[in-house]
Amino acid sequence: MNNLRNQVNSIFSACQEASACHQINSIKLRKLYQQTDLEEFWEAIVPIIGHIQEVEFKTKNPYIDRMIEFIGTFCAALSKTRTQNNTDVESLDESFIDDPLIAKLIDYLLLGSDCDSETIRLRACQLINKIFDNSIEADISDERYEAIKDALLERLRDSKGDIRIQAILALYRLQNLEDPEDPVIAEFIYLLHDYLAKVRKVVVEKIAIRRDVVNFIIKRTRDVDINVRLAAFKRISKLVRALKIDERVTVLMGGKYDSCEKNRNYVCTELLSSWWEIYNYDILLLMKSLRLDADEKDIQQTSSVFEYVLNQFYFKNRTVTEILEVLELNNEKLLPFEKLNWETITYWKLLIMKLISDKDLECYVEKVVPEVVFLCRYIKEFSELDNPTDIYLETQYILKQLFLMIKVLDLSDPHTINNVHALVEYVLKNGDLIDDTMEAIIGVLVKTLPDPDTRCRFGMEIISDILYPVDYEEELQNQNDLTFKMTKLKTKSIQLSHEQDEAVKAQDFLLAERLKGEIESVLLQLKNLKNTISNPTIIKQKKVEDLPTVCKCLDIAWAILRCVTKLTPTLKSIQHDFLPDLLSSKDDFVRLKALRCYAICCIYDKKTAGQGIHIYAAYISGYQVGLECDTQTLICCISAISDLIRLYDGDFMAAPIDNELSESVDEEHEKVFAGGTALTSLIQGLVDLTEDEEFDVRLKAWEGLCKIILDDRIQSPALIARLILQWCIPADTDDSESQTIKQFIGFVLVKLPLLREYSEQLEGGILLTIDKFAKAPSTSPLAKVNIDNVVKFMLALCKLSSKGDTMRSNIILALCTKINENPTSEMTSLYSKILLIVDLPEDQNLMEQIFVLIDEVREDIDEKIPNKNITKLLSKVSERLNQPLEQQATSNIDAIVEEGVEEEEEAEEVEID
């Protein structure tokens, strides 16, 4: 027996020194096992395994790691020999895990996995994992499968993160994709939210792919830890066909804006390269797989995704020849209409932009970039195509890209500019365009007509022609009539001249004189007709006021307003002559378009803003009292009000009237705009809209309030408290709307402490938040919130401020004062709990104040939990003040400390029991 132990010890000693001898030593150990009784061999090997399990894991130990690796190698060798030696078919089906020795080892390790020692638990899981690692193809009997699974499932909830990781590495092979309720996958999904990043990372790498699992992996691409995000990106790189289109876009946008450069580089190189390979190296197919096109918002996002894929991935890593081969251009360097689609037009536009912007590629410009004249004709012909309504958005997208293409070309030649202007005028007058396309078309004029007023006049002439169209048929008939009259007069003049000549020959001078007068009369009429023809009077119809025409004119006006930075004289005519009547239109659509045009006028002109803010406030006030208002109009009014407050703030406030403010009203909130609308009413209106049924309205209201706060336009602790409460209220992870709002608010809250002179507001907001939690009924969503986490978050916000220490001290003092004023209040329990979380200040005077405030009322607190908290707090304060615990204060400190210690000991005994 001793000889056997010596041989086994010798083999393991050699194996812990180097991994190179593992194979040969596994054969030696296997021979010993085959020549020895099972129990004797087990008695020889179990002390070594026990020693391995007892070695501390927190410090890396290469010797132990090599021995664990060797055990896995030995088990693999043992199973192979067992299979080779079995000739019976039934025996061949027997699992290697049922080998007597390995079965005994597994049972031993399973017992160790439930040991009190965290080291033994971890090593047990580690050894099981290594055995599985070296025997991937082996089967497991149902009985042993259940035993291993049950034991390791418990370790997935272990208190130690390293043990959970080893359990994951051992269990991931036991996932059953065919079982929708597989407990292993269910636990792995749970661990995707583990508080340790390294645990989440391992789960992301090992969890089996199922449709519901994919959603959780996508969410990990937005994890707070960069390594978890990278692991998620790597896992998703092979799953593109398992993702929905919006999920692919989410992943790419997450990678594009990732805060870590390593992750950004991985997504735009490795991940996209993998996806491209899956789509047979066809870049247009890859782009198609990323296309969202349900509405204008989707189109904007799709355009951004396309630009990212081409500029950051495809164009960077391909030769010019490869890039040019994707499109099939004709002799005029144009793409045939039948080849135009979402993908090809984007590729064509970005290709031209790349060739023009890169000086090293100038030699390819003439080969690929079309002439502007040809491109204008091409666009005109495309706009005249009778496309089906189901590709309307695609047609609009193509038109937009074509005009953006024109904008990057050389437009310095006057003839070229005239062609572009004629095209712009034609498309605006005859096309049915969406806002984005309209803005792109007007954007071309920024380059051809750099003077803002000239550009605006050009646009206004188009609007005038649309509203007051020319009757060309009537004008042509008039011209023909004039030409016919002129021909008759010319003939008559010739005839009269001939008669005059005859009269002179006949010496009938009286007749000749009369004919001369008639000839002069005819010539005068002829002259007048010629003047009429050379200066024709254009006959216009009455003003066209049907809804499509008015909406088109408003869209053009909106696009023109968007491409300038101030109100030009021409734009003022739009403001005063065109918009006023439409602002009160009975049609919601027309009124909405007029309101958004007027909002831009307000931004450019302070005087207009002073009047306009009341118009937009009226809609929100009316909605508050029950008047109907469509969603888009509400969103427009919210945006206008928040922008005007941010831009002008008090510039158009009315002067106070003899200090008539009530003492109970904060003057900062009682600003009144000239005209009667109070800032308080506007802010309250926005606050009310944050609870609207429509998500878009809620989001826009929150967005407006947050921007107003960030621009330091209002000072309101109550509003900050509302932001904190909204952020911390639990929301379903599948509720994308609530998550969007929470993310937006979270960003704003982190910025608040960095604002100058905002510490008092944040401090007040934190105290109000605490009060809200203290007073929240059990039915409130706040009752489900972990107050400890919220307090820690608020204290972390304080630390970001340059006045963080002062803020923390003030919060502590305020809570102590509240307890002192009403020690029997129900809120004392929460206040005392928070005081234990907050780090005590360094100021000795403040510490003495805290001690006095709390010590005075300690005996008045009857409830056990608050009393215990106060006891602990007094103990901490007394230690900070360096007072001997035996010293007598207002109350007996000895008793305080002894009671605290006794209660702690009792709590520990209960926990042990």
Foldseek 3Di string as FASTA:
>chain_A
DVVLLVLVVVLLVVQLVDVVCLQVSLVVLLVSCVVDDLVVNCVSCVVVLVVLLPDDDPDDDSSSVRSLLSLLSSLLVNLVVQLVPDPDPVSNLDFSCVPPNNVVLLVVLLVQLPDPDPSSVQSSLQSLLSNCVSPVPTDDDPVVLVSLVVSLLVQCPPPDLSSVLSSLSNCLSVADQVDPVGPNLVSLLVQCPPPDLVSVLSSLQRRDDDLVVLVSLLVQCVPPDPSSVQSSLVSCLQVLVSDALVSVLSNLVSLCPPPDPVSVVCCQEVSLVSLCVVVVVQVLVSLVSNQDQPDPVSLVSSLVSLCSNCVSHVVVPDDPVVLVVNADADPQLHGDPVPDWPRPLSSLLVNQVVLLVDPVNVVCNVVHPGDLLVLLVVLQVLQPDPDDPVCVSGSQSSLLSSLVSSLSDDQPDPVSLVSLLVSLLVCLQPPDHDLSSLLSSLVSVCVVPVDLVVSLVSLVVSLVCLFWPFPVVVLVVVLVVLVVLLVVLVVVLVVLVVVLVVCVVVVVVVSNVVSVVVSVVSVVVNVVSVVCNVPPDTDIDHTDDDDSSLLSSLSNLQSSLVSDQAQDPSNVCCVPPPQPVQCPDPDQSSNLSSLLSLLSNVLRDVVSVLVSLVSLLVVLVCVVVPDDHDPSSLLSSLVSNLVSCLRQQCVQWDDDDPPPDDPVDDVLQQTAGVPGRGNVSSLVSLVVQCPDPDLSSNQSSLVSVLVCVLSVSGQALCVLLVLLVLLQQDDDPPPVSSVVSNVVSVVSLLCQLVDPPNLVSLLSNVLVNLVCLLPPDCPDSSVVGDVLVSLVVSLVSLVSHPCSLVSLLVSLLVLLQVCLVPVADSSLLSSLVSNVSRDDHLDLVSLVVSLVSLVVCLVVHDDDRSNLSSLVNNVVSCVSNVHPQCDCDPHGSVVSVVVNVVVVVVVVVVVVD
